[in-house]
Amino acid sequence: MIHLGHWQARGYGAFFATETATGKPAGRISIWHPITLDEPELSWVVFDGYEGKGFAAEGACAVRNWAAAQGMAPLMSLVAPENGASVRLAQRLGCTEEGRHTYPSGAEVIRFRHPLGEAA
């Protein structure tokens, strides 16, 4: 429900990846902008059993291209440093590390900046 509200409030939100052969959900790629962030974040979640199959990479590129076509500025992603797979994906996507972001909880994540559109 939160994703539907995000579309209504912001004009963007979550896209869901499905496995072509079965139609089963494989993950979620979102442009997420809660009031606690100063700008939209491109985020990805791959569901159990679908890791390492390219869903996050293909989905992130598609959503990033969609955002560019909508006239949005280059997106950022916040990635936990211990999440090696997502750090490597951000790097493969051509992102540059901008520094760190600290959540109100005190957790610190890496702030990556995506190239605009298809630059990866």
N, C-alpha and C. Protein backbone atom coordinates (compact mmCIF):
# COMPACT_ATOMS: atom_id res chain seq x y z
N MET A 1 0.81 -1.19 0.00
CA MET A 1 0.00 0.00 0.00
C MET A 1 0.86 1.26 0.00
N ILE A 2 1.98 1.21 0.69
CA ILE A 2 2.85 2.38 0.75
C ILE A 2 3.36 2.75 -0.64
N HIS A 3 3.56 1.75 -1.51
CA HIS A 3 4.07 2.03 -2.85
C HIS A 3 3.03 2.73 -3.71
N LEU A 4 1.77 2.36 -3.58
CA LEU A 4 0.70 3.02 -4.32
C LEU A 4 0.60 4.48 -3.89
N GLY A 5 0.66 4.74 -2.60
CA GLY A 5 0.62 6.11 -2.10
C GLY A 5 1.80 6.93 -2.59
N HIS A 6 2.94 6.29 -2.71
CA HIS A 6 4.13 6.99 -3.20
C HIS A 6 3.92 7.46 -4.64
N TRP A 7 3.32 6.61 -5.47
CA TRP A 7 3.02 7.00 -6.85
C TRP A 7 2.08 8.19 -6.87
N GLN A 8 1.07 8.17 -6.02
CA GLN A 8 0.10 9.26 -6.01
C GLN A 8 0.72 10.56 -5.49
N ALA A 9 1.57 10.46 -4.49
CA ALA A 9 2.14 11.65 -3.88
C ALA A 9 3.32 12.22 -4.69
N ARG A 10 4.14 11.36 -5.27
CA ARG A 10 5.39 11.80 -5.89
C ARG A 10 5.41 11.67 -7.42
N GLY A 11 4.55 10.80 -7.96
CA GLY A 11 4.59 10.57 -9.40
C GLY A 11 5.58 9.51 -9.81
N TYR A 12 6.16 8.83 -8.86
CA TYR A 12 7.07 7.71 -9.08
C TYR A 12 7.02 6.82 -7.86
N GLY A 13 7.60 5.64 -7.99
CA GLY A 13 7.56 4.68 -6.87
C GLY A 13 8.21 3.37 -7.26
N ALA A 14 7.55 2.27 -6.92
CA ALA A 14 8.12 0.94 -7.11
C ALA A 14 7.70 0.31 -8.43
N PHE A 15 8.66 -0.40 -9.01
CA PHE A 15 8.43 -1.25 -10.17
C PHE A 15 8.75 -2.67 -9.70
N PHE A 16 8.01 -3.64 -10.17
CA PHE A 16 8.24 -5.01 -9.74
C PHE A 16 8.77 -5.84 -10.90
N ALA A 17 9.83 -6.60 -10.64
CA ALA A 17 10.43 -7.48 -11.63
C ALA A 17 9.78 -8.85 -11.53
N THR A 18 9.51 -9.44 -12.68
CA THR A 18 8.95 -10.79 -12.70
C THR A 18 9.80 -11.69 -13.58
N GLU A 19 9.82 -12.95 -13.23
CA GLU A 19 10.50 -13.95 -14.04
C GLU A 19 9.64 -14.21 -15.27
N THR A 20 10.20 -14.02 -16.44
CA THR A 20 9.43 -14.14 -17.68
C THR A 20 8.79 -15.52 -17.84
N ALA A 21 9.52 -16.58 -17.57
CA ALA A 21 9.03 -17.94 -17.80
C ALA A 21 7.82 -18.29 -16.93
N THR A 22 7.79 -17.78 -15.71
CA THR A 22 6.74 -18.19 -14.77
C THR A 22 5.80 -17.06 -14.37
N GLY A 23 6.22 -15.82 -14.58
CA GLY A 23 5.42 -14.68 -14.13
C GLY A 23 5.52 -14.44 -12.64
N LYS A 24 6.39 -15.19 -11.95
CA LYS A 24 6.54 -15.03 -10.51
C LYS A 24 7.33 -13.77 -10.19
N PRO A 25 6.98 -13.10 -9.08
CA PRO A 25 7.73 -11.91 -8.69
C PRO A 25 9.16 -12.26 -8.31
N ALA A 26 10.12 -11.48 -8.82
CA ALA A 26 11.54 -11.73 -8.57
C ALA A 26 12.20 -10.63 -7.76
N GLY A 27 11.58 -9.46 -7.72
CA GLY A 27 12.18 -8.37 -6.97
C GLY A 27 11.43 -7.07 -7.16
N ARG A 28 11.96 -6.04 -6.50
CA ARG A 28 11.36 -4.71 -6.57
C ARG A 28 12.47 -3.69 -6.77
N ILE A 29 12.28 -2.81 -7.72
CA ILE A 29 13.20 -1.71 -7.96
C ILE A 29 12.38 -0.44 -7.80
N SER A 30 12.83 0.46 -6.94
CA SER A 30 12.02 1.61 -6.57
C SER A 30 12.77 2.92 -6.69
N ILE A 31 12.01 3.96 -6.96
CA ILE A 31 12.47 5.32 -6.72
C ILE A 31 11.73 5.73 -5.46
N TRP A 32 12.46 5.84 -4.40
CA TRP A 32 11.93 5.98 -3.04
C TRP A 32 12.31 7.35 -2.50
N HIS A 33 11.33 8.11 -2.01
CA HIS A 33 11.64 9.44 -1.50
C HIS A 33 10.76 9.76 -0.29
N PRO A 34 11.06 9.11 0.84
CA PRO A 34 10.33 9.44 2.06
C PRO A 34 10.76 10.83 2.55
N ILE A 35 10.00 11.40 3.44
CA ILE A 35 10.31 12.75 3.92
C ILE A 35 11.63 12.82 4.68
N THR A 36 12.17 11.67 5.06
CA THR A 36 13.44 11.65 5.79
C THR A 36 14.66 11.77 4.87
N LEU A 37 14.46 11.71 3.55
CA LEU A 37 15.57 11.86 2.60
C LEU A 37 15.43 13.18 1.86
N ASP A 38 16.56 13.80 1.54
CA ASP A 38 16.52 15.09 0.85
C ASP A 38 16.35 14.97 -0.66
N GLU A 39 16.41 13.76 -1.19
CA GLU A 39 16.21 13.54 -2.63
C GLU A 39 15.80 12.08 -2.86
N PRO A 40 15.31 11.76 -4.06
CA PRO A 40 14.90 10.38 -4.35
C PRO A 40 16.08 9.41 -4.37
N GLU A 41 15.79 8.20 -3.95
CA GLU A 41 16.78 7.12 -3.94
C GLU A 41 16.33 6.01 -4.88
N LEU A 42 17.25 5.49 -5.68
CA LEU A 42 17.00 4.30 -6.48
C LEU A 42 17.41 3.10 -5.63
N SER A 43 16.45 2.25 -5.32
CA SER A 43 16.74 1.09 -4.47
C SER A 43 16.30 -0.19 -5.17
N TRP A 44 16.89 -1.30 -4.73
CA TRP A 44 16.53 -2.59 -5.31
C TRP A 44 16.50 -3.65 -4.22
N VAL A 45 15.57 -4.58 -4.40
CA VAL A 45 15.45 -5.74 -3.52
C VAL A 45 15.18 -6.93 -4.44
N VAL A 46 15.99 -7.97 -4.31
CA VAL A 46 15.77 -9.19 -5.09
C VAL A 46 15.27 -10.25 -4.12
N PHE A 47 14.18 -10.90 -4.49
CA PHE A 47 13.58 -11.90 -3.62
C PHE A 47 14.40 -13.19 -3.58
N ASP A 48 14.23 -13.94 -2.50
CA ASP A 48 14.97 -15.20 -2.32
C ASP A 48 14.81 -16.11 -3.54
N GLY A 49 15.93 -16.66 -3.96
CA GLY A 49 15.94 -17.58 -5.09
C GLY A 49 16.20 -16.90 -6.43
N TYR A 50 16.20 -15.57 -6.46
CA TYR A 50 16.41 -14.84 -7.71
C TYR A 50 17.70 -14.03 -7.71
N GLU A 51 18.51 -14.17 -6.67
CA GLU A 51 19.77 -13.44 -6.58
C GLU A 51 20.73 -13.92 -7.66
N GLY A 52 21.56 -12.99 -8.15
CA GLY A 52 22.60 -13.35 -9.11
C GLY A 52 22.11 -13.66 -10.51
N LYS A 53 20.88 -13.32 -10.82
CA LYS A 53 20.32 -13.61 -12.15
C LYS A 53 20.12 -12.35 -12.98
N GLY A 54 20.60 -11.22 -12.50
CA GLY A 54 20.54 -9.99 -13.27
C GLY A 54 19.31 -9.13 -13.09
N PHE A 55 18.39 -9.56 -12.23
CA PHE A 55 17.16 -8.78 -12.05
C PHE A 55 17.43 -7.38 -11.51
N ALA A 56 18.31 -7.26 -10.53
CA ALA A 56 18.60 -5.94 -9.95
C ALA A 56 19.30 -5.04 -10.96
N ALA A 57 20.28 -5.58 -11.67
CA ALA A 57 21.02 -4.76 -12.64
C ALA A 57 20.11 -4.30 -13.78
N GLU A 58 19.38 -5.23 -14.36
CA GLU A 58 18.50 -4.88 -15.48
C GLU A 58 17.39 -3.93 -15.01
N GLY A 59 16.83 -4.22 -13.85
CA GLY A 59 15.77 -3.37 -13.33
C GLY A 59 16.26 -1.97 -12.97
N ALA A 60 17.43 -1.88 -12.34
CA ALA A 60 17.98 -0.57 -11.97
C ALA A 60 18.25 0.27 -13.21
N CYS A 61 18.81 -0.34 -14.25
CA CYS A 61 19.06 0.40 -15.49
C CYS A 61 17.74 0.87 -16.12
N ALA A 62 16.75 -0.01 -16.15
CA ALA A 62 15.46 0.36 -16.75
C ALA A 62 14.79 1.49 -15.96
N VAL A 63 14.80 1.41 -14.65
CA VAL A 63 14.17 2.45 -13.84
C VAL A 63 14.96 3.75 -13.95
N ARG A 64 16.27 3.66 -13.96
CA ARG A 64 17.11 4.85 -14.11
C ARG A 64 16.83 5.53 -15.46
N ASN A 65 16.69 4.75 -16.53
CA ASN A 65 16.37 5.31 -17.84
C ASN A 65 14.98 5.93 -17.85
N TRP A 66 14.04 5.28 -17.18
CA TRP A 66 12.68 5.82 -17.07
C TRP A 66 12.72 7.17 -16.35
N ALA A 67 13.46 7.24 -15.25
CA ALA A 67 13.56 8.49 -14.48
C ALA A 67 14.18 9.60 -15.33
N ALA A 68 15.21 9.29 -16.10
CA ALA A 68 15.83 10.29 -16.96
C ALA A 68 14.84 10.79 -18.01
N ALA A 69 14.04 9.87 -18.57
CA ALA A 69 13.04 10.25 -19.57
C ALA A 69 11.96 11.14 -18.97
N GLN A 70 11.75 11.03 -17.66
CA GLN A 70 10.77 11.88 -16.96
C GLN A 70 11.36 13.25 -16.60
N GLY A 71 12.66 13.43 -16.88
CA GLY A 71 13.32 14.69 -16.57
C GLY A 71 13.90 14.77 -15.17
N MET A 72 14.00 13.62 -14.49
CA MET A 72 14.57 13.61 -13.15
C MET A 72 16.09 13.73 -13.21
N ALA A 73 16.65 14.32 -12.18
CA ALA A 73 18.11 14.43 -12.05
C ALA A 73 18.69 13.05 -11.77
N PRO A 74 20.01 12.89 -11.93
CA PRO A 74 20.63 11.61 -11.61
C PRO A 74 20.29 11.18 -10.18
N LEU A 75 19.92 9.93 -10.04
CA LEU A 75 19.47 9.39 -8.75
C LEU A 75 20.65 8.98 -7.89
N MET A 76 20.39 8.82 -6.62
CA MET A 76 21.39 8.28 -5.69
C MET A 76 20.86 6.98 -5.13
N SER A 77 21.77 6.18 -4.59
CA SER A 77 21.42 4.94 -3.89
C SER A 77 22.19 4.90 -2.58
N LEU A 78 21.54 4.42 -1.55
CA LEU A 78 22.15 4.25 -0.24
C LEU A 78 22.34 2.77 0.01
N VAL A 79 23.60 2.36 0.22
CA VAL A 79 23.92 0.94 0.32
C VAL A 79 24.72 0.68 1.59
N ALA A 80 24.30 -0.32 2.35
CA ALA A 80 25.04 -0.72 3.55
C ALA A 80 26.40 -1.24 3.12
N PRO A 81 27.50 -0.78 3.76
CA PRO A 81 28.84 -1.21 3.35
C PRO A 81 29.05 -2.72 3.43
N GLU A 82 28.34 -3.39 4.32
CA GLU A 82 28.49 -4.84 4.46
C GLU A 82 27.70 -5.62 3.40
N ASN A 83 26.88 -4.93 2.60
CA ASN A 83 26.13 -5.57 1.54
C ASN A 83 26.98 -5.58 0.27
N GLY A 84 27.94 -6.48 0.23
CA GLY A 84 28.91 -6.54 -0.86
C GLY A 84 28.27 -6.66 -2.23
N ALA A 85 27.21 -7.44 -2.35
CA ALA A 85 26.56 -7.62 -3.65
C ALA A 85 26.00 -6.30 -4.17
N SER A 86 25.38 -5.53 -3.30
CA SER A 86 24.82 -4.25 -3.73
C SER A 86 25.89 -3.20 -3.97
N VAL A 87 26.96 -3.23 -3.21
CA VAL A 87 28.09 -2.32 -3.45
C VAL A 87 28.67 -2.61 -4.84
N ARG A 88 28.90 -3.89 -5.14
CA ARG A 88 29.44 -4.27 -6.45
C ARG A 88 28.48 -3.89 -7.58
N LEU A 89 27.18 -4.07 -7.34
CA LEU A 89 26.20 -3.70 -8.36
C LEU A 89 26.24 -2.20 -8.62
N ALA A 90 26.27 -1.39 -7.57
CA ALA A 90 26.35 0.06 -7.76
C ALA A 90 27.58 0.43 -8.58
N GLN A 91 28.68 -0.21 -8.31
CA GLN A 91 29.91 0.05 -9.06
C GLN A 91 29.77 -0.38 -10.52
N ARG A 92 29.17 -1.57 -10.75
CA ARG A 92 28.94 -2.05 -12.12
C ARG A 92 28.01 -1.14 -12.89
N LEU A 93 27.07 -0.50 -12.18
CA LEU A 93 26.12 0.41 -12.81
C LEU A 93 26.75 1.76 -13.14
N GLY A 94 28.02 1.94 -12.81
CA GLY A 94 28.71 3.18 -13.12
C GLY A 94 28.53 4.27 -12.08
N CYS A 95 28.06 3.89 -10.91
CA CYS A 95 27.85 4.87 -9.84
C CYS A 95 29.18 5.34 -9.27
N THR A 96 29.18 6.55 -8.76
CA THR A 96 30.34 7.08 -8.06
C THR A 96 29.99 7.24 -6.59
N GLU A 97 30.94 6.94 -5.73
CA GLU A 97 30.72 7.08 -4.29
C GLU A 97 30.83 8.56 -3.93
N GLU A 98 29.81 9.07 -3.25
CA GLU A 98 29.78 10.47 -2.84
C GLU A 98 30.12 10.68 -1.38
N GLY A 99 30.17 9.62 -0.62
CA GLY A 99 30.42 9.75 0.81
C GLY A 99 29.49 8.85 1.59
N ARG A 100 29.18 9.28 2.78
CA ARG A 100 28.33 8.48 3.67
C ARG A 100 27.05 9.23 4.01
N HIS A 101 26.04 8.46 4.36
CA HIS A 101 24.77 9.00 4.84
C HIS A 101 24.50 8.32 6.17
N THR A 102 24.08 9.07 7.15
CA THR A 102 23.75 8.50 8.45
C THR A 102 22.25 8.65 8.70
N TYR A 103 21.60 7.53 8.94
CA TYR A 103 20.17 7.52 9.26
C TYR A 103 19.96 8.01 10.69
N PRO A 104 18.75 8.45 11.02
CA PRO A 104 18.47 8.87 12.40
C PRO A 104 18.79 7.78 13.44
N SER A 105 18.75 6.53 13.04
CA SER A 105 19.06 5.41 13.94
C SER A 105 20.56 5.34 14.26
N GLY A 106 21.36 6.05 13.46
CA GLY A 106 22.81 6.00 13.61
C GLY A 106 23.49 5.09 12.62
N ALA A 107 22.73 4.28 11.89
CA ALA A 107 23.32 3.40 10.87
C ALA A 107 23.91 4.24 9.74
N GLU A 108 25.09 3.85 9.30
CA GLU A 108 25.77 4.58 8.24
C GLU A 108 25.82 3.75 6.97
N VAL A 109 25.51 4.38 5.84
CA VAL A 109 25.51 3.71 4.55
C VAL A 109 26.34 4.52 3.55
N ILE A 110 26.72 3.87 2.46
CA ILE A 110 27.45 4.54 1.39
C ILE A 110 26.43 5.22 0.47
N ARG A 111 26.71 6.46 0.13
CA ARG A 111 25.85 7.19 -0.81
C ARG A 111 26.52 7.15 -2.18
N PHE A 112 25.83 6.49 -3.14
CA PHE A 112 26.30 6.39 -4.51
C PHE A 112 25.47 7.31 -5.41
N ARG A 113 26.09 7.89 -6.43
CA ARG A 113 25.39 8.71 -7.43
C ARG A 113 25.41 7.96 -8.76
N HIS A 114 24.23 7.81 -9.34
CA HIS A 114 24.09 7.13 -10.63
C HIS A 114 24.39 8.10 -11.77
N PRO A 115 24.91 7.56 -12.87
CA PRO A 115 24.99 8.40 -14.08
C PRO A 115 23.55 8.60 -14.59
N LEU A 116 23.37 9.61 -15.38
CA LEU A 116 22.05 9.90 -15.93
C LEU A 116 21.74 8.93 -17.07
N GLY A 117 20.60 8.29 -16.98
CA GLY A 117 20.15 7.43 -18.08
C GLY A 117 21.04 6.23 -18.33
N GLU A 118 21.34 5.99 -19.58
CA GLU A 118 21.98 4.75 -20.01
C GLU A 118 23.50 4.73 -19.87
N ALA A 119 24.08 5.61 -19.11
CA ALA A 119 25.53 5.75 -19.06
C ALA A 119 26.27 4.54 -18.52
N ALA A 120 25.60 3.55 -18.00
CA ALA A 120 26.31 2.36 -17.48
C ALA A 120 26.58 1.45 -18.63
